[in-house]
Each structure stands twice: as structure tokens, then as C-alpha cells.
Amino acid sequence: TTIKTGYISVSAEPVPVIQPPGPISMVYGESALLDGGADFASWLWNTGETTQQIIVSDCGEYSVEVEDMNGCSGAASVVVSVSPVVTFDFVVLISTPATSYQWLLNGIPIVGATGQTFAPTISGDYSVQVLCQGTGWINSNVVPVTMIIIGLSETPPAQIKIYPNPATDIIFLKSN
């Protein structure tokens, strides 16, 4: 029988901490630098990257598995949400890209308005919610829209001219 002392060493499991800590909220077009922590032998992010730091711009849950110099491993994750941005070109409301949309008028869902664009027909405060994987529905900025309806029904027939014909980007109205 042989007795050996100090033959087996036990190390604590590494505990990575992703910086910045989550949850992280961004606006579409922004990005965040995620750091899996220093003093590890290797990093494996759920994105497939194997560096200590990664840059993210999409919503979702990001995780990293690290291995220390002793071959022990640990993991951490952080949730990132990305708010959509709505713009209005005076005809159509347009959301930044997402996989699912729900347009709102004064905070209330508009039935059937589930595309990337929406053409408002009444005045009010419009916004969109997009589905963000791992975080749920995220709200956009609010865009106030005022509809001004100009009626031509008051003008007697043959008293108004619209040109050019065919129409281009700009049309002109002229009354006699």
C-alpha cells in the first residue's frame, strides 16, 4: 500500500459574470459589448464565438460557457431587448425590422395590423410592438399622427384640374 498526500487537488467551479449585467435594453440600431470575464482559458458563446468579448445588436438571451486553467467549466447568460423605432413618411408608418408586429392606436391593438408598415386613417398616437425572442413584446416610440382630410366633393364638376397626367411624385390641383 502506498499513501500519497497532495495528489488530488479540487478547484472551485468558475463563475463567469457577463458585463454589463442584464437585462440590457437598447434601441434598434444600437449595439452592446458583452464581456465574458477575464482569467479564463476559453470562452464559448451561444452565438458560436470563442472570444472573451462579443458585440450584439439583436434581442435575445446570450450565454457564455467558460473553462478555467484547470479544465473546470461554468456558464452565465444575459437577456438583451431591442426597442423598435417607428417613422412616418406622411403616408405610412414604418417599423424597423422584426419577426412579428402589432400596431397600436392610442395604446390599443389595431385588429389585423400586423405588418412592418401601417397606413393610418384617423388621427391619434401610433406605436408598434415587436416580438423579441427571449424577452417578449417590446414597445416602440409613439408617433402622433394628425389626419387632415381635404374634400373635393364641395367642388362643382369640371371646376378642378389635377396634373400631370399620368401623375408623378408630385401632383398639382387647380381650381377654375
N, C-alpha and C. Protein backbone atom coordinates (compact mmCIF):
# COMPACT_ATOMS: atom_id res chain seq x y z
N THR A 1 0.84 -1.18 0.00
CA THR A 1 0.00 0.00 0.00
C THR A 1 0.88 1.23 0.00
N THR A 2 0.49 2.19 -0.83
CA THR A 2 1.22 3.45 -0.89
C THR A 2 0.27 4.59 -0.54
N ILE A 3 0.72 5.50 0.27
CA ILE A 3 -0.09 6.66 0.64
C ILE A 3 0.58 7.89 0.03
N LYS A 4 -0.21 8.66 -0.72
CA LYS A 4 0.30 9.89 -1.33
C LYS A 4 -0.52 11.06 -0.81
N THR A 5 0.13 12.09 -0.40
CA THR A 5 -0.58 13.29 0.06
C THR A 5 -0.44 14.39 -0.99
N GLY A 6 -1.48 15.21 -1.08
CA GLY A 6 -1.46 16.31 -2.05
C GLY A 6 -1.53 15.83 -3.49
N TYR A 7 -1.96 14.61 -3.73
CA TYR A 7 -2.01 14.02 -5.06
C TYR A 7 -3.21 14.54 -5.86
N ILE A 8 -4.32 14.79 -5.20
CA ILE A 8 -5.55 15.25 -5.86
C ILE A 8 -5.84 16.67 -5.37
N SER A 9 -6.06 17.56 -6.31
CA SER A 9 -6.46 18.91 -5.92
C SER A 9 -7.87 19.18 -6.44
N VAL A 10 -8.64 19.88 -5.66
CA VAL A 10 -10.02 20.20 -6.01
C VAL A 10 -10.11 21.71 -6.19
N SER A 11 -10.66 22.12 -7.34
CA SER A 11 -10.82 23.54 -7.63
C SER A 11 -12.29 23.91 -7.63
N ALA A 12 -12.57 25.13 -7.26
CA ALA A 12 -13.95 25.63 -7.31
C ALA A 12 -14.36 25.81 -8.76
N GLU A 13 -15.65 25.59 -9.03
CA GLU A 13 -16.17 25.80 -10.38
C GLU A 13 -16.07 27.29 -10.72
N PRO A 14 -15.61 27.62 -11.92
CA PRO A 14 -15.55 29.05 -12.29
C PRO A 14 -16.95 29.64 -12.40
N VAL A 15 -17.06 30.89 -11.98
CA VAL A 15 -18.34 31.58 -12.03
C VAL A 15 -18.17 32.84 -12.90
N PRO A 16 -18.46 32.72 -14.19
CA PRO A 16 -18.34 33.92 -15.05
C PRO A 16 -19.46 34.90 -14.76
N VAL A 17 -19.19 36.17 -14.94
CA VAL A 17 -20.19 37.23 -14.81
C VAL A 17 -20.09 38.07 -16.07
N ILE A 18 -21.17 38.04 -16.86
CA ILE A 18 -21.18 38.83 -18.09
C ILE A 18 -21.34 40.30 -17.73
N GLN A 19 -20.53 41.13 -18.36
CA GLN A 19 -20.62 42.57 -18.18
C GLN A 19 -21.02 43.21 -19.50
N PRO A 20 -21.92 44.17 -19.55
CA PRO A 20 -22.66 44.65 -18.39
C PRO A 20 -23.69 43.62 -17.97
N PRO A 21 -24.07 43.64 -16.67
CA PRO A 21 -25.09 42.69 -16.21
C PRO A 21 -26.44 43.05 -16.82
N GLY A 22 -27.29 42.07 -16.94
CA GLY A 22 -28.58 42.31 -17.58
C GLY A 22 -29.67 42.61 -16.59
N PRO A 23 -30.86 42.81 -17.08
CA PRO A 23 -31.19 42.84 -18.51
C PRO A 23 -30.69 44.13 -19.18
N ILE A 24 -30.39 44.02 -20.47
CA ILE A 24 -29.87 45.14 -21.24
C ILE A 24 -30.96 45.60 -22.22
N SER A 25 -31.24 46.89 -22.22
CA SER A 25 -32.23 47.46 -23.15
C SER A 25 -31.54 48.42 -24.10
N MET A 26 -31.85 48.24 -25.38
CA MET A 26 -31.28 49.10 -26.42
C MET A 26 -32.38 49.52 -27.38
N VAL A 27 -32.08 50.51 -28.20
CA VAL A 27 -32.96 50.93 -29.29
C VAL A 27 -32.38 50.36 -30.57
N TYR A 28 -33.25 50.00 -31.51
CA TYR A 28 -32.81 49.43 -32.78
C TYR A 28 -31.71 50.30 -33.38
N GLY A 29 -30.64 49.66 -33.84
CA GLY A 29 -29.51 50.37 -34.43
C GLY A 29 -28.34 50.50 -33.47
N GLU A 30 -28.60 50.31 -32.17
CA GLU A 30 -27.52 50.35 -31.19
C GLU A 30 -26.92 48.96 -31.04
N SER A 31 -25.77 48.86 -30.39
CA SER A 31 -25.15 47.57 -30.10
C SER A 31 -24.56 47.62 -28.71
N ALA A 32 -24.27 46.45 -28.17
CA ALA A 32 -23.68 46.35 -26.83
C ALA A 32 -22.49 45.40 -26.88
N LEU A 33 -21.48 45.73 -26.10
CA LEU A 33 -20.30 44.88 -25.97
C LEU A 33 -20.51 44.02 -24.74
N LEU A 34 -20.56 42.70 -24.93
CA LEU A 34 -20.70 41.76 -23.81
C LEU A 34 -19.33 41.16 -23.52
N ASP A 35 -18.96 41.12 -22.24
CA ASP A 35 -17.66 40.60 -21.81
C ASP A 35 -17.89 39.40 -20.91
N GLY A 36 -17.33 38.26 -21.27
CA GLY A 36 -17.49 37.02 -20.52
C GLY A 36 -16.57 36.88 -19.31
N GLY A 37 -15.74 37.88 -19.07
CA GLY A 37 -14.85 37.84 -17.91
C GLY A 37 -13.44 37.43 -18.29
N ALA A 38 -12.48 37.95 -17.54
CA ALA A 38 -11.06 37.67 -17.80
C ALA A 38 -10.61 36.44 -17.02
N ASP A 39 -9.38 36.05 -17.23
CA ASP A 39 -8.71 34.97 -16.48
C ASP A 39 -9.31 33.59 -16.72
N PHE A 40 -9.86 33.37 -17.89
CA PHE A 40 -10.33 32.04 -18.26
C PHE A 40 -9.48 31.53 -19.42
N ALA A 41 -9.44 30.22 -19.57
CA ALA A 41 -8.65 29.62 -20.66
C ALA A 41 -9.41 29.68 -21.97
N SER A 42 -10.77 29.60 -21.89
CA SER A 42 -11.56 29.63 -23.13
C SER A 42 -12.98 30.12 -22.85
N TRP A 43 -13.62 30.62 -23.92
CA TRP A 43 -14.99 31.11 -23.88
C TRP A 43 -15.74 30.51 -25.06
N LEU A 44 -16.98 30.13 -24.86
CA LEU A 44 -17.84 29.68 -25.96
C LEU A 44 -19.21 30.31 -25.76
N TRP A 45 -19.53 31.27 -26.65
CA TRP A 45 -20.82 31.95 -26.61
C TRP A 45 -21.86 31.14 -27.38
N ASN A 46 -23.13 31.30 -27.05
CA ASN A 46 -24.18 30.58 -27.79
C ASN A 46 -24.31 31.08 -29.23
N THR A 47 -23.56 32.12 -29.58
CA THR A 47 -23.52 32.60 -30.97
C THR A 47 -22.46 31.84 -31.78
N GLY A 48 -21.64 31.02 -31.07
CA GLY A 48 -20.57 30.28 -31.73
C GLY A 48 -19.22 30.96 -31.61
N GLU A 49 -19.21 32.23 -31.13
CA GLU A 49 -17.94 32.94 -31.00
C GLU A 49 -17.15 32.41 -29.80
N THR A 50 -15.83 32.47 -29.92
CA THR A 50 -14.95 31.91 -28.88
C THR A 50 -14.00 32.96 -28.31
N THR A 51 -14.44 34.20 -28.30
CA THR A 51 -13.63 35.29 -27.76
C THR A 51 -14.19 35.73 -26.41
N GLN A 52 -13.40 36.47 -25.66
CA GLN A 52 -13.84 36.96 -24.36
C GLN A 52 -14.99 37.94 -24.50
N GLN A 53 -14.98 38.74 -25.56
CA GLN A 53 -16.00 39.76 -25.77
C GLN A 53 -16.70 39.56 -27.11
N ILE A 54 -18.01 39.88 -27.13
CA ILE A 54 -18.76 39.87 -28.38
C ILE A 54 -19.59 41.14 -28.45
N ILE A 55 -19.94 41.55 -29.67
CA ILE A 55 -20.81 42.70 -29.88
C ILE A 55 -22.15 42.16 -30.36
N VAL A 56 -23.24 42.61 -29.71
CA VAL A 56 -24.58 42.15 -30.07
C VAL A 56 -25.45 43.34 -30.43
N SER A 57 -26.38 43.12 -31.36
CA SER A 57 -27.32 44.18 -31.74
C SER A 57 -28.74 43.65 -31.87
N ASP A 58 -28.93 42.35 -31.67
CA ASP A 58 -30.26 41.73 -31.75
C ASP A 58 -30.75 41.35 -30.36
N CYS A 59 -32.07 41.29 -30.22
CA CYS A 59 -32.62 40.89 -28.93
C CYS A 59 -32.48 39.38 -28.75
N GLY A 60 -32.53 38.96 -27.50
CA GLY A 60 -32.45 37.55 -27.18
C GLY A 60 -31.64 37.30 -25.92
N GLU A 61 -31.46 36.03 -25.62
CA GLU A 61 -30.65 35.64 -24.47
C GLU A 61 -29.28 35.21 -24.97
N TYR A 62 -28.23 35.79 -24.42
CA TYR A 62 -26.87 35.47 -24.80
C TYR A 62 -26.20 34.77 -23.61
N SER A 63 -25.56 33.64 -23.89
CA SER A 63 -24.89 32.90 -22.83
C SER A 63 -23.46 32.58 -23.24
N VAL A 64 -22.62 32.41 -22.21
CA VAL A 64 -21.22 32.06 -22.43
C VAL A 64 -20.87 30.91 -21.48
N GLU A 65 -20.14 29.95 -22.01
CA GLU A 65 -19.57 28.87 -21.19
C GLU A 65 -18.06 29.09 -21.18
N VAL A 66 -17.50 29.14 -19.96
CA VAL A 66 -16.07 29.38 -19.82
C VAL A 66 -15.41 28.14 -19.24
N GLU A 67 -14.11 28.04 -19.51
CA GLU A 67 -13.31 26.97 -18.93
C GLU A 67 -12.06 27.61 -18.32
N ASP A 68 -11.72 27.20 -17.07
CA ASP A 68 -10.55 27.79 -16.43
C ASP A 68 -9.30 26.97 -16.74
N MET A 69 -8.18 27.35 -16.17
CA MET A 69 -6.90 26.70 -16.45
C MET A 69 -6.85 25.25 -15.96
N ASN A 70 -7.78 24.89 -15.05
CA ASN A 70 -7.83 23.52 -14.52
C ASN A 70 -8.79 22.62 -15.31
N GLY A 71 -9.44 23.16 -16.32
CA GLY A 71 -10.38 22.38 -17.12
C GLY A 71 -11.79 22.38 -16.55
N CYS A 72 -12.05 23.18 -15.52
CA CYS A 72 -13.39 23.27 -14.94
C CYS A 72 -14.19 24.31 -15.72
N SER A 73 -15.51 24.08 -15.83
CA SER A 73 -16.33 24.99 -16.63
C SER A 73 -17.48 25.57 -15.83
N GLY A 74 -17.96 26.71 -16.28
CA GLY A 74 -19.11 27.39 -15.70
C GLY A 74 -19.80 28.20 -16.79
N ALA A 75 -21.01 28.65 -16.51
CA ALA A 75 -21.78 29.37 -17.53
C ALA A 75 -22.54 30.55 -16.93
N ALA A 76 -22.85 31.51 -17.78
CA ALA A 76 -23.65 32.68 -17.40
C ALA A 76 -24.44 33.14 -18.62
N SER A 77 -25.51 33.89 -18.38
CA SER A 77 -26.31 34.42 -19.50
C SER A 77 -26.85 35.80 -19.16
N VAL A 78 -27.26 36.51 -20.20
CA VAL A 78 -27.83 37.84 -20.05
C VAL A 78 -28.90 38.02 -21.14
N VAL A 79 -29.96 38.74 -20.81
CA VAL A 79 -31.04 39.00 -21.76
C VAL A 79 -30.90 40.41 -22.32
N VAL A 80 -31.05 40.52 -23.64
CA VAL A 80 -30.94 41.80 -24.34
C VAL A 80 -32.26 42.05 -25.06
N SER A 81 -32.85 43.23 -24.83
CA SER A 81 -34.05 43.61 -25.58
C SER A 81 -33.74 44.83 -26.44
N VAL A 82 -34.36 44.85 -27.63
CA VAL A 82 -34.11 45.93 -28.60
C VAL A 82 -35.46 46.54 -28.97
N SER A 83 -35.64 47.81 -28.62
CA SER A 83 -36.90 48.50 -28.92
C SER A 83 -36.94 48.92 -30.39
N PRO A 84 -38.08 48.71 -31.05
CA PRO A 84 -38.20 49.14 -32.44
C PRO A 84 -38.34 50.66 -32.52
N VAL A 85 -38.09 51.19 -33.70
CA VAL A 85 -38.24 52.63 -33.96
C VAL A 85 -39.24 52.79 -35.10
N VAL A 86 -40.23 53.66 -34.87
CA VAL A 86 -41.26 53.93 -35.89
C VAL A 86 -40.99 55.30 -36.50
N THR A 87 -41.08 55.36 -37.83
CA THR A 87 -41.01 56.63 -38.54
C THR A 87 -42.29 56.79 -39.36
N PHE A 88 -42.57 58.02 -39.75
CA PHE A 88 -43.79 58.32 -40.51
C PHE A 88 -43.41 59.18 -41.71
N ASP A 89 -43.77 58.73 -42.90
CA ASP A 89 -43.43 59.48 -44.11
C ASP A 89 -44.63 60.28 -44.63
N PHE A 90 -45.57 60.59 -43.75
CA PHE A 90 -46.79 61.34 -44.05
C PHE A 90 -47.82 60.53 -44.83
N VAL A 91 -47.52 59.26 -45.08
CA VAL A 91 -48.49 58.36 -45.70
C VAL A 91 -48.53 57.05 -44.93
N VAL A 92 -47.36 56.52 -44.60
CA VAL A 92 -47.24 55.20 -43.98
C VAL A 92 -46.34 55.27 -42.75
N LEU A 93 -46.73 54.55 -41.71
CA LEU A 93 -45.87 54.35 -40.55
C LEU A 93 -45.00 53.14 -40.85
N ILE A 94 -43.72 53.24 -40.52
CA ILE A 94 -42.77 52.17 -40.84
C ILE A 94 -42.01 51.78 -39.58
N SER A 95 -41.97 50.48 -39.29
CA SER A 95 -41.21 49.97 -38.15
C SER A 95 -39.87 49.42 -38.63
N THR A 96 -38.91 49.46 -37.74
CA THR A 96 -37.65 48.80 -38.03
C THR A 96 -37.90 47.29 -38.10
N PRO A 97 -37.02 46.51 -38.73
CA PRO A 97 -37.27 45.08 -38.96
C PRO A 97 -37.45 44.27 -37.67
N ALA A 98 -38.34 43.31 -37.75
CA ALA A 98 -38.61 42.36 -36.66
C ALA A 98 -39.26 41.13 -37.28
N THR A 99 -39.58 40.15 -36.46
CA THR A 99 -40.24 38.94 -36.98
C THR A 99 -41.75 39.01 -36.85
N SER A 100 -42.26 39.72 -35.82
CA SER A 100 -43.71 39.86 -35.62
C SER A 100 -44.02 41.27 -35.17
N TYR A 101 -45.16 41.81 -35.66
CA TYR A 101 -45.55 43.18 -35.36
C TYR A 101 -46.99 43.23 -34.87
N GLN A 102 -47.30 44.22 -34.02
CA GLN A 102 -48.68 44.56 -33.67
C GLN A 102 -48.74 46.07 -33.51
N TRP A 103 -49.50 46.72 -34.42
CA TRP A 103 -49.63 48.18 -34.37
C TRP A 103 -50.69 48.55 -33.34
N LEU A 104 -50.46 49.71 -32.70
CA LEU A 104 -51.36 50.21 -31.66
C LEU A 104 -51.80 51.62 -32.00
N LEU A 105 -53.04 51.94 -31.68
CA LEU A 105 -53.57 53.30 -31.79
C LEU A 105 -53.99 53.72 -30.40
N ASN A 106 -53.36 54.76 -29.87
CA ASN A 106 -53.63 55.23 -28.50
C ASN A 106 -53.47 54.09 -27.48
N GLY A 107 -52.49 53.23 -27.73
CA GLY A 107 -52.19 52.14 -26.79
C GLY A 107 -53.05 50.90 -26.95
N ILE A 108 -53.96 50.89 -27.90
CA ILE A 108 -54.88 49.76 -28.10
C ILE A 108 -54.52 49.06 -29.41
N PRO A 109 -54.38 47.72 -29.39
CA PRO A 109 -54.04 46.99 -30.61
C PRO A 109 -55.05 47.23 -31.73
N ILE A 110 -54.54 47.39 -32.94
CA ILE A 110 -55.37 47.57 -34.13
C ILE A 110 -55.54 46.18 -34.75
N VAL A 111 -56.77 45.71 -34.82
CA VAL A 111 -57.05 44.37 -35.34
C VAL A 111 -56.52 44.24 -36.76
N GLY A 112 -55.74 43.20 -37.02
CA GLY A 112 -55.22 42.90 -38.35
C GLY A 112 -54.01 43.72 -38.76
N ALA A 113 -53.56 44.64 -37.92
CA ALA A 113 -52.40 45.48 -38.26
C ALA A 113 -51.14 44.81 -37.74
N THR A 114 -50.63 43.87 -38.52
CA THR A 114 -49.50 43.04 -38.07
C THR A 114 -48.34 43.01 -39.06
N GLY A 115 -48.24 44.03 -39.90
CA GLY A 115 -47.13 44.10 -40.85
C GLY A 115 -46.09 45.12 -40.42
N GLN A 116 -45.02 45.21 -41.17
CA GLN A 116 -43.95 46.15 -40.85
C GLN A 116 -44.38 47.60 -41.08
N THR A 117 -45.38 47.80 -41.96
CA THR A 117 -45.88 49.14 -42.22
C THR A 117 -47.37 49.21 -41.90
N PHE A 118 -47.84 50.43 -41.68
CA PHE A 118 -49.27 50.63 -41.43
C PHE A 118 -49.66 52.01 -41.94
N ALA A 119 -50.76 52.09 -42.70
CA ALA A 119 -51.26 53.36 -43.22
C ALA A 119 -52.40 53.84 -42.33
N PRO A 120 -52.16 54.87 -41.52
CA PRO A 120 -53.21 55.36 -40.62
C PRO A 120 -54.33 56.05 -41.40
N THR A 121 -55.54 55.93 -40.86
CA THR A 121 -56.70 56.57 -41.50
C THR A 121 -57.37 57.57 -40.56
N ILE A 122 -56.99 57.55 -39.28
CA ILE A 122 -57.54 58.51 -38.32
C ILE A 122 -56.41 59.07 -37.47
N SER A 123 -56.66 60.21 -36.87
CA SER A 123 -55.66 60.85 -36.02
C SER A 123 -55.50 60.09 -34.71
N GLY A 124 -54.31 60.16 -34.15
CA GLY A 124 -54.06 59.52 -32.86
C GLY A 124 -52.58 59.26 -32.66
N ASP A 125 -52.27 58.63 -31.54
CA ASP A 125 -50.89 58.27 -31.20
C ASP A 125 -50.65 56.81 -31.59
N TYR A 126 -49.74 56.62 -32.55
CA TYR A 126 -49.45 55.29 -33.08
C TYR A 126 -48.11 54.77 -32.55
N SER A 127 -48.06 53.47 -32.33
CA SER A 127 -46.82 52.79 -31.94
C SER A 127 -46.92 51.36 -32.42
N VAL A 128 -45.85 50.62 -32.27
CA VAL A 128 -45.85 49.22 -32.66
C VAL A 128 -45.18 48.42 -31.56
N GLN A 129 -45.61 47.19 -31.41
CA GLN A 129 -44.93 46.23 -30.55
C GLN A 129 -44.31 45.18 -31.46
N VAL A 130 -43.08 44.76 -31.14
CA VAL A 130 -42.45 43.68 -31.90
C VAL A 130 -42.11 42.56 -30.94
N LEU A 131 -42.12 41.35 -31.46
CA LEU A 131 -41.81 40.18 -30.64
C LEU A 131 -40.30 39.98 -30.62
N CYS A 132 -39.75 40.00 -29.43
CA CYS A 132 -38.31 39.86 -29.23
C CYS A 132 -38.05 38.50 -28.58
N GLN A 133 -37.33 37.65 -29.29
CA GLN A 133 -37.05 36.31 -28.80
C GLN A 133 -36.36 36.39 -27.44
N GLY A 134 -36.94 35.72 -26.46
CA GLY A 134 -36.35 35.68 -25.13
C GLY A 134 -36.83 36.76 -24.19
N THR A 135 -37.47 37.82 -24.72
CA THR A 135 -37.93 38.90 -23.85
C THR A 135 -39.40 39.25 -24.03
N GLY A 136 -40.05 38.73 -25.05
CA GLY A 136 -41.47 39.02 -25.27
C GLY A 136 -41.69 40.23 -26.15
N TRP A 137 -42.85 40.87 -25.99
CA TRP A 137 -43.23 42.01 -26.82
C TRP A 137 -42.57 43.28 -26.30
N ILE A 138 -41.97 44.06 -27.21
CA ILE A 138 -41.26 45.29 -26.88
C ILE A 138 -41.96 46.45 -27.59
N ASN A 139 -42.18 47.56 -26.87
CA ASN A 139 -42.86 48.74 -27.42
C ASN A 139 -41.89 49.70 -28.11
N SER A 140 -42.40 50.35 -29.14
CA SER A 140 -41.64 51.37 -29.87
C SER A 140 -41.91 52.75 -29.29
N ASN A 141 -41.32 53.73 -29.95
CA ASN A 141 -41.65 55.12 -29.68
C ASN A 141 -43.09 55.39 -30.16
N VAL A 142 -43.68 56.47 -29.64
CA VAL A 142 -45.03 56.87 -30.04
C VAL A 142 -44.92 57.97 -31.08
N VAL A 143 -45.70 57.83 -32.17
CA VAL A 143 -45.71 58.82 -33.25
C VAL A 143 -47.11 59.43 -33.32
N PRO A 144 -47.25 60.72 -32.97
CA PRO A 144 -48.55 61.36 -33.11
C PRO A 144 -48.86 61.64 -34.59
N VAL A 145 -50.06 61.28 -35.02
CA VAL A 145 -50.47 61.48 -36.41
C VAL A 145 -51.75 62.30 -36.42
N THR A 146 -51.74 63.37 -37.20
CA THR A 146 -52.94 64.19 -37.37
C THR A 146 -53.36 64.08 -38.83
N MET A 147 -54.56 63.58 -39.05
CA MET A 147 -55.07 63.42 -40.40
C MET A 147 -55.87 64.66 -40.77
N ILE A 148 -55.54 65.24 -41.91
CA ILE A 148 -56.29 66.38 -42.43
C ILE A 148 -56.94 65.92 -43.72
N ILE A 149 -58.25 65.87 -43.71
CA ILE A 149 -58.99 65.39 -44.87
C ILE A 149 -59.44 66.60 -45.68
N ILE A 150 -59.05 66.63 -46.93
CA ILE A 150 -59.46 67.70 -47.85
C ILE A 150 -60.49 67.11 -48.79
N GLY A 151 -61.69 67.61 -48.69
CA GLY A 151 -62.76 67.07 -49.52
C GLY A 151 -62.86 67.76 -50.85
N LEU A 152 -63.03 67.01 -51.89
CA LEU A 152 -63.24 67.56 -53.23
C LEU A 152 -64.72 67.55 -53.60
N SER A 153 -65.53 66.97 -52.71
CA SER A 153 -66.95 66.84 -53.05
C SER A 153 -67.65 68.19 -53.09
N GLU A 154 -67.08 69.21 -52.42
CA GLU A 154 -67.70 70.53 -52.44
C GLU A 154 -67.44 71.27 -53.75
N THR A 155 -66.48 70.82 -54.53
CA THR A 155 -66.11 71.50 -55.77
C THR A 155 -67.03 71.01 -56.89
N PRO A 156 -67.65 71.95 -57.61
CA PRO A 156 -68.52 71.53 -58.73
C PRO A 156 -67.71 70.76 -59.78
N PRO A 157 -68.33 69.81 -60.47
CA PRO A 157 -67.63 69.05 -61.51
C PRO A 157 -67.01 69.98 -62.55
N ALA A 158 -65.91 69.58 -63.09
CA ALA A 158 -65.17 70.29 -64.13
C ALA A 158 -64.58 71.60 -63.61
N GLN A 159 -64.57 71.82 -62.32
CA GLN A 159 -64.00 73.03 -61.74
C GLN A 159 -62.61 72.80 -61.14
N ILE A 160 -62.11 71.59 -61.24
CA ILE A 160 -60.80 71.28 -60.67
C ILE A 160 -59.99 70.50 -61.69
N LYS A 161 -58.71 70.81 -61.76
CA LYS A 161 -57.81 70.11 -62.66
C LYS A 161 -56.70 69.48 -61.83
N ILE A 162 -56.37 68.26 -62.14
CA ILE A 162 -55.27 67.55 -61.48
C ILE A 162 -54.25 67.23 -62.56
N TYR A 163 -53.00 67.62 -62.36
CA TYR A 163 -51.97 67.36 -63.36
C TYR A 163 -50.64 67.14 -62.67
N PRO A 164 -49.64 66.55 -63.29
CA PRO A 164 -49.64 66.00 -64.65
C PRO A 164 -50.44 64.69 -64.71
N ASN A 165 -50.75 64.31 -65.92
CA ASN A 165 -51.43 63.05 -66.14
C ASN A 165 -50.65 62.28 -67.20
N PRO A 166 -50.02 61.17 -66.93
CA PRO A 166 -50.12 60.43 -65.67
C PRO A 166 -49.33 61.14 -64.56
N ALA A 167 -49.72 60.86 -63.31
CA ALA A 167 -49.12 61.50 -62.15
C ALA A 167 -47.69 61.01 -61.91
N THR A 168 -46.89 61.89 -61.34
CA THR A 168 -45.52 61.54 -60.96
C THR A 168 -45.44 61.62 -59.44
N ASP A 169 -44.27 61.94 -58.91
CA ASP A 169 -44.11 62.04 -57.46
C ASP A 169 -44.89 63.21 -56.88
N ILE A 170 -45.11 64.24 -57.69
CA ILE A 170 -45.82 65.43 -57.22
C ILE A 170 -47.02 65.67 -58.15
N ILE A 171 -48.19 65.94 -57.55
CA ILE A 171 -49.35 66.29 -58.37
C ILE A 171 -49.82 67.69 -57.98
N PHE A 172 -50.48 68.35 -58.88
CA PHE A 172 -50.97 69.70 -58.67
C PHE A 172 -52.48 69.71 -58.82
N LEU A 173 -53.11 70.50 -57.94
CA LEU A 173 -54.56 70.70 -58.01
C LEU A 173 -54.79 72.16 -58.37
N LYS A 174 -55.69 72.41 -59.34
CA LYS A 174 -56.00 73.77 -59.72
C LYS A 174 -57.50 73.88 -59.90
N SER A 175 -58.06 74.91 -59.25
CA SER A 175 -59.49 75.12 -59.45
C SER A 175 -59.67 76.32 -60.37
N ASN A 176 -60.75 76.29 -61.13
CA ASN A 176 -61.01 77.37 -62.10
C ASN A 176 -61.50 78.63 -61.44
